[in-house]
Amino acid sequence: MIYISEIASERVKEILHAEGKGGDYFVRISVQGGGCSGLSYDIKFDNQISSDDQFFEDKGIKLCTDLMSFLYVCNSTLEFSEGLNGKGFHFTNPNAARTCACGESFAV
């Protein structure tokens, strides 16, 4: 499962509405090589489904990841923080052995 915090789910709804994206859009989460810790997250809105997609729904938000990325983000929570020290969207990932200071990359 992949989870989303209440604050992040509200922010996703606001963005989808502002961009005029309907109910067929979902949050696509993927993991790519790169970043200062070796792996980095990629988050975007999508409405195209691939054969290896894994879908989850939490707090009214559809979350999707490919099978390979799911191995890295299983049981993670998509969070959102704002303000002077806010990171925007970021993950709480129990699979990460270490993360970089900015929170955008991790290692397992």
N, C-alpha and C. Protein backbone atom coordinates (compact mmCIF):
# COMPACT_ATOMS: atom_id res chain seq x y z
N MET A 1 0.84 -1.19 0.00
CA MET A 1 0.00 0.00 0.00
C MET A 1 0.88 1.25 0.00
N ILE A 2 0.39 2.30 -0.58
CA ILE A 2 0.99 3.63 -0.51
C ILE A 2 -0.07 4.54 0.10
N TYR A 3 0.36 5.40 1.01
CA TYR A 3 -0.57 6.26 1.74
C TYR A 3 -0.32 7.72 1.40
N ILE A 4 -1.28 8.56 1.76
CA ILE A 4 -1.15 10.01 1.59
C ILE A 4 -1.68 10.67 2.86
N SER A 5 -0.98 11.68 3.34
CA SER A 5 -1.44 12.38 4.54
C SER A 5 -2.65 13.25 4.20
N GLU A 6 -3.37 13.64 5.21
CA GLU A 6 -4.55 14.48 5.02
C GLU A 6 -4.18 15.80 4.34
N ILE A 7 -3.10 16.44 4.80
CA ILE A 7 -2.67 17.72 4.22
C ILE A 7 -2.27 17.54 2.75
N ALA A 8 -1.53 16.47 2.45
CA ALA A 8 -1.12 16.22 1.07
C ALA A 8 -2.32 15.94 0.19
N SER A 9 -3.30 15.21 0.70
CA SER A 9 -4.48 14.90 -0.12
C SER A 9 -5.26 16.18 -0.43
N GLU A 10 -5.38 17.07 0.53
CA GLU A 10 -6.07 18.35 0.28
C GLU A 10 -5.31 19.18 -0.75
N ARG A 11 -3.99 19.18 -0.66
CA ARG A 11 -3.17 19.95 -1.61
C ARG A 11 -3.30 19.36 -3.03
N VAL A 12 -3.30 18.03 -3.15
CA VAL A 12 -3.47 17.38 -4.45
C VAL A 12 -4.81 17.76 -5.05
N LYS A 13 -5.86 17.73 -4.25
CA LYS A 13 -7.20 18.10 -4.74
C LYS A 13 -7.20 19.55 -5.23
N GLU A 14 -6.56 20.45 -4.48
CA GLU A 14 -6.49 21.86 -4.89
C GLU A 14 -5.78 22.01 -6.23
N ILE A 15 -4.67 21.32 -6.39
CA ILE A 15 -3.89 21.43 -7.63
C ILE A 15 -4.66 20.85 -8.82
N LEU A 16 -5.25 19.68 -8.62
CA LEU A 16 -6.04 19.07 -9.71
C LEU A 16 -7.16 20.01 -10.14
N HIS A 17 -7.84 20.60 -9.17
CA HIS A 17 -8.93 21.52 -9.49
C HIS A 17 -8.41 22.76 -10.23
N ALA A 18 -7.32 23.33 -9.73
CA ALA A 18 -6.74 24.54 -10.35
C ALA A 18 -6.27 24.27 -11.77
N GLU A 19 -5.79 23.06 -12.03
CA GLU A 19 -5.31 22.71 -13.37
C GLU A 19 -6.42 22.16 -14.27
N GLY A 20 -7.64 22.05 -13.74
CA GLY A 20 -8.77 21.58 -14.53
C GLY A 20 -8.69 20.12 -14.90
N LYS A 21 -8.03 19.32 -14.07
CA LYS A 21 -7.89 17.89 -14.35
C LYS A 21 -9.01 17.14 -13.64
N GLY A 22 -9.70 16.30 -14.40
CA GLY A 22 -10.87 15.59 -13.89
C GLY A 22 -10.53 14.34 -13.09
N GLY A 23 -11.57 13.57 -12.83
CA GLY A 23 -11.47 12.37 -12.00
C GLY A 23 -10.68 11.23 -12.60
N ASP A 24 -10.30 11.34 -13.88
CA ASP A 24 -9.51 10.27 -14.49
C ASP A 24 -8.02 10.44 -14.21
N TYR A 25 -7.63 11.53 -13.54
CA TYR A 25 -6.22 11.75 -13.22
C TYR A 25 -5.88 11.15 -11.86
N PHE A 26 -4.65 10.73 -11.73
CA PHE A 26 -4.14 10.15 -10.49
C PHE A 26 -2.72 10.65 -10.26
N VAL A 27 -2.20 10.39 -9.08
CA VAL A 27 -0.83 10.76 -8.74
C VAL A 27 0.07 9.58 -9.09
N ARG A 28 0.98 9.80 -10.03
CA ARG A 28 1.93 8.75 -10.39
C ARG A 28 3.22 8.97 -9.61
N ILE A 29 3.64 7.93 -8.91
CA ILE A 29 4.86 7.96 -8.10
C ILE A 29 5.85 6.98 -8.71
N SER A 30 7.04 7.46 -8.98
CA SER A 30 8.07 6.55 -9.49
C SER A 30 9.40 6.85 -8.81
N VAL A 31 10.29 5.89 -8.90
CA VAL A 31 11.63 6.00 -8.33
C VAL A 31 12.62 5.88 -9.48
N GLN A 32 13.57 6.80 -9.49
CA GLN A 32 14.59 6.82 -10.53
C GLN A 32 15.97 6.88 -9.90
N GLY A 33 16.95 6.41 -10.63
CA GLY A 33 18.33 6.56 -10.17
C GLY A 33 18.73 8.02 -10.20
N GLY A 34 19.48 8.45 -9.19
CA GLY A 34 19.94 9.83 -9.15
C GLY A 34 19.78 10.44 -7.78
N GLY A 35 20.13 11.68 -7.67
CA GLY A 35 20.07 12.36 -6.38
C GLY A 35 21.31 12.06 -5.56
N CYS A 36 21.48 12.79 -4.49
CA CYS A 36 22.72 12.63 -3.71
C CYS A 36 22.76 11.34 -2.90
N SER A 37 21.63 10.65 -2.74
CA SER A 37 21.64 9.38 -2.00
C SER A 37 21.49 8.16 -2.91
N GLY A 38 21.34 8.37 -4.21
CA GLY A 38 21.30 7.25 -5.14
C GLY A 38 19.98 7.03 -5.85
N LEU A 39 18.86 7.29 -5.16
CA LEU A 39 17.54 7.12 -5.76
C LEU A 39 16.73 8.37 -5.48
N SER A 40 15.86 8.75 -6.42
CA SER A 40 15.03 9.93 -6.20
C SER A 40 13.59 9.63 -6.61
N TYR A 41 12.68 10.38 -5.99
CA TYR A 41 11.26 10.23 -6.26
C TYR A 41 10.86 11.13 -7.43
N ASP A 42 9.88 10.68 -8.19
CA ASP A 42 9.27 11.50 -9.23
C ASP A 42 7.77 11.41 -9.00
N ILE A 43 7.13 12.56 -8.90
CA ILE A 43 5.69 12.63 -8.66
C ILE A 43 5.08 13.51 -9.75
N LYS A 44 4.02 13.01 -10.37
CA LYS A 44 3.33 13.81 -11.38
C LYS A 44 1.88 13.35 -11.48
N PHE A 45 1.06 14.17 -12.12
CA PHE A 45 -0.31 13.79 -12.40
C PHE A 45 -0.33 13.09 -13.75
N ASP A 46 -1.13 12.04 -13.84
CA ASP A 46 -1.17 11.24 -15.06
C ASP A 46 -2.59 10.72 -15.25
N ASN A 47 -2.91 10.34 -16.46
CA ASN A 47 -4.17 9.66 -16.74
C ASN A 47 -3.97 8.50 -17.72
N GLN A 48 -2.71 8.13 -17.94
CA GLN A 48 -2.37 7.00 -18.82
C GLN A 48 -1.98 5.80 -17.96
N ILE A 49 -2.59 4.67 -18.24
CA ILE A 49 -2.35 3.46 -17.45
C ILE A 49 -1.44 2.52 -18.22
N SER A 50 -0.44 1.97 -17.51
CA SER A 50 0.47 0.97 -18.08
C SER A 50 0.13 -0.40 -17.52
N SER A 51 0.59 -1.44 -18.19
CA SER A 51 0.23 -2.80 -17.79
C SER A 51 0.80 -3.20 -16.43
N ASP A 52 1.93 -2.60 -16.00
CA ASP A 52 2.51 -3.00 -14.71
C ASP A 52 2.18 -2.02 -13.57
N ASP A 53 1.18 -1.15 -13.78
CA ASP A 53 0.80 -0.17 -12.75
C ASP A 53 0.12 -0.85 -11.56
N GLN A 54 0.44 -0.34 -10.40
CA GLN A 54 -0.17 -0.77 -9.15
C GLN A 54 -0.97 0.44 -8.64
N PHE A 55 -2.26 0.27 -8.38
CA PHE A 55 -3.11 1.37 -7.95
C PHE A 55 -3.53 1.21 -6.50
N PHE A 56 -3.59 2.35 -5.81
CA PHE A 56 -4.03 2.41 -4.43
C PHE A 56 -4.91 3.65 -4.29
N GLU A 57 -5.77 3.66 -3.31
CA GLU A 57 -6.55 4.86 -3.03
C GLU A 57 -6.55 5.10 -1.54
N ASP A 58 -6.25 6.34 -1.17
CA ASP A 58 -6.23 6.73 0.24
C ASP A 58 -6.77 8.16 0.34
N LYS A 59 -7.69 8.38 1.24
CA LYS A 59 -8.27 9.70 1.49
C LYS A 59 -8.83 10.34 0.21
N GLY A 60 -9.39 9.49 -0.66
CA GLY A 60 -10.03 9.98 -1.87
C GLY A 60 -9.07 10.29 -3.01
N ILE A 61 -7.78 9.98 -2.85
CA ILE A 61 -6.79 10.24 -3.88
C ILE A 61 -6.31 8.92 -4.47
N LYS A 62 -6.31 8.83 -5.80
CA LYS A 62 -5.78 7.65 -6.48
C LYS A 62 -4.26 7.81 -6.63
N LEU A 63 -3.53 6.81 -6.17
CA LEU A 63 -2.07 6.79 -6.24
C LEU A 63 -1.66 5.61 -7.10
N CYS A 64 -0.66 5.81 -7.94
CA CYS A 64 -0.23 4.77 -8.87
C CYS A 64 1.29 4.71 -8.88
N THR A 65 1.81 3.52 -9.02
CA THR A 65 3.24 3.33 -9.19
C THR A 65 3.48 2.11 -10.06
N ASP A 66 4.59 2.11 -10.76
CA ASP A 66 4.93 0.91 -11.53
C ASP A 66 5.46 -0.14 -10.55
N LEU A 67 5.49 -1.37 -10.98
CA LEU A 67 5.85 -2.49 -10.11
C LEU A 67 7.26 -2.35 -9.54
N MET A 68 8.23 -1.91 -10.35
CA MET A 68 9.60 -1.77 -9.86
C MET A 68 9.70 -0.69 -8.78
N SER A 69 9.06 0.45 -9.02
CA SER A 69 9.08 1.53 -8.03
C SER A 69 8.38 1.13 -6.75
N PHE A 70 7.32 0.32 -6.87
CA PHE A 70 6.57 -0.11 -5.69
C PHE A 70 7.48 -0.82 -4.69
N LEU A 71 8.46 -1.55 -5.17
CA LEU A 71 9.39 -2.24 -4.27
C LEU A 71 10.12 -1.27 -3.36
N TYR A 72 10.33 -0.04 -3.81
CA TYR A 72 11.03 0.98 -3.03
C TYR A 72 10.10 1.84 -2.18
N VAL A 73 8.83 1.99 -2.59
CA VAL A 73 7.93 2.91 -1.89
C VAL A 73 6.79 2.21 -1.14
N CYS A 74 6.81 0.90 -1.09
CA CYS A 74 5.79 0.15 -0.36
C CYS A 74 5.70 0.66 1.09
N ASN A 75 4.49 0.92 1.54
CA ASN A 75 4.19 1.41 2.90
C ASN A 75 4.68 2.83 3.17
N SER A 76 5.00 3.57 2.12
CA SER A 76 5.41 4.97 2.27
C SER A 76 4.17 5.87 2.32
N THR A 77 4.38 7.07 2.86
CA THR A 77 3.31 8.07 2.92
C THR A 77 3.76 9.33 2.20
N LEU A 78 2.94 9.79 1.27
CA LEU A 78 3.19 11.06 0.60
C LEU A 78 2.72 12.17 1.54
N GLU A 79 3.63 13.07 1.88
CA GLU A 79 3.37 14.15 2.83
C GLU A 79 3.46 15.49 2.11
N PHE A 80 2.97 16.53 2.77
CA PHE A 80 3.13 17.89 2.25
C PHE A 80 3.36 18.83 3.42
N SER A 81 4.37 19.68 3.27
CA SER A 81 4.60 20.71 4.29
C SER A 81 4.90 22.01 3.58
N GLU A 82 4.50 23.11 4.21
CA GLU A 82 4.73 24.41 3.62
C GLU A 82 5.31 25.35 4.66
N GLY A 83 5.56 26.56 4.29
CA GLY A 83 6.14 27.52 5.21
C GLY A 83 7.61 27.73 4.90
N LEU A 84 8.29 28.45 5.76
CA LEU A 84 9.69 28.77 5.52
C LEU A 84 10.58 27.54 5.42
N ASN A 85 10.32 26.54 6.24
CA ASN A 85 11.14 25.33 6.22
C ASN A 85 10.44 24.18 5.51
N GLY A 86 9.33 24.47 4.83
CA GLY A 86 8.55 23.44 4.17
C GLY A 86 9.27 22.82 2.99
N LYS A 87 8.98 21.57 2.75
CA LYS A 87 9.60 20.84 1.66
C LYS A 87 8.66 20.66 0.49
N GLY A 88 7.41 21.10 0.59
CA GLY A 88 6.44 20.78 -0.43
C GLY A 88 6.06 19.31 -0.28
N PHE A 89 5.92 18.61 -1.38
CA PHE A 89 5.62 17.18 -1.32
C PHE A 89 6.91 16.41 -1.02
N HIS A 90 6.81 15.45 -0.12
CA HIS A 90 7.94 14.59 0.23
C HIS A 90 7.39 13.29 0.80
N PHE A 91 8.25 12.32 0.99
CA PHE A 91 7.83 11.00 1.45
C PHE A 91 8.37 10.67 2.83
N THR A 92 7.55 9.97 3.59
CA THR A 92 8.02 9.25 4.76
C THR A 92 8.11 7.80 4.29
N ASN A 93 9.33 7.31 4.16
CA ASN A 93 9.56 6.00 3.55
C ASN A 93 10.26 5.08 4.54
N PRO A 94 9.56 4.07 5.07
CA PRO A 94 10.18 3.16 6.03
C PRO A 94 11.24 2.24 5.40
N ASN A 95 11.29 2.20 4.08
CA ASN A 95 12.27 1.35 3.39
C ASN A 95 13.62 2.04 3.21
N ALA A 96 13.66 3.35 3.40
CA ALA A 96 14.89 4.11 3.16
C ALA A 96 15.88 3.91 4.31
N ALA A 97 17.08 3.46 3.96
CA ALA A 97 18.13 3.30 4.96
C ALA A 97 18.74 4.65 5.31
N ARG A 98 18.76 5.55 4.33
CA ARG A 98 19.23 6.92 4.56
C ARG A 98 18.60 7.83 3.52
N THR A 99 18.50 9.10 3.88
CA THR A 99 17.97 10.11 2.97
C THR A 99 18.92 11.30 2.97
N CYS A 100 18.83 12.10 1.95
CA CYS A 100 19.66 13.32 1.91
C CYS A 100 18.98 14.40 2.73
N ALA A 101 19.66 15.46 2.98
CA ALA A 101 19.13 16.55 3.81
C ALA A 101 17.88 17.18 3.21
N CYS A 102 17.80 17.24 1.88
CA CYS A 102 16.64 17.88 1.26
C CYS A 102 15.43 16.93 1.25
N GLY A 103 15.63 15.64 1.47
CA GLY A 103 14.54 14.68 1.50
C GLY A 103 14.07 14.23 0.13
N GLU A 104 14.75 14.63 -0.93
CA GLU A 104 14.31 14.27 -2.27
C GLU A 104 14.98 13.02 -2.81
N SER A 105 15.99 12.53 -2.13
CA SER A 105 16.61 11.28 -2.58
C SER A 105 16.86 10.38 -1.37
N PHE A 106 17.05 9.10 -1.66
CA PHE A 106 17.19 8.12 -0.59
C PHE A 106 17.98 6.92 -1.07
N ALA A 107 18.34 6.06 -0.13
CA ALA A 107 19.02 4.81 -0.44
C ALA A 107 18.36 3.71 0.38
N VAL A 108 18.40 2.50 -0.14
CA VAL A 108 17.85 1.33 0.58
C VAL A 108 18.95 0.37 0.93
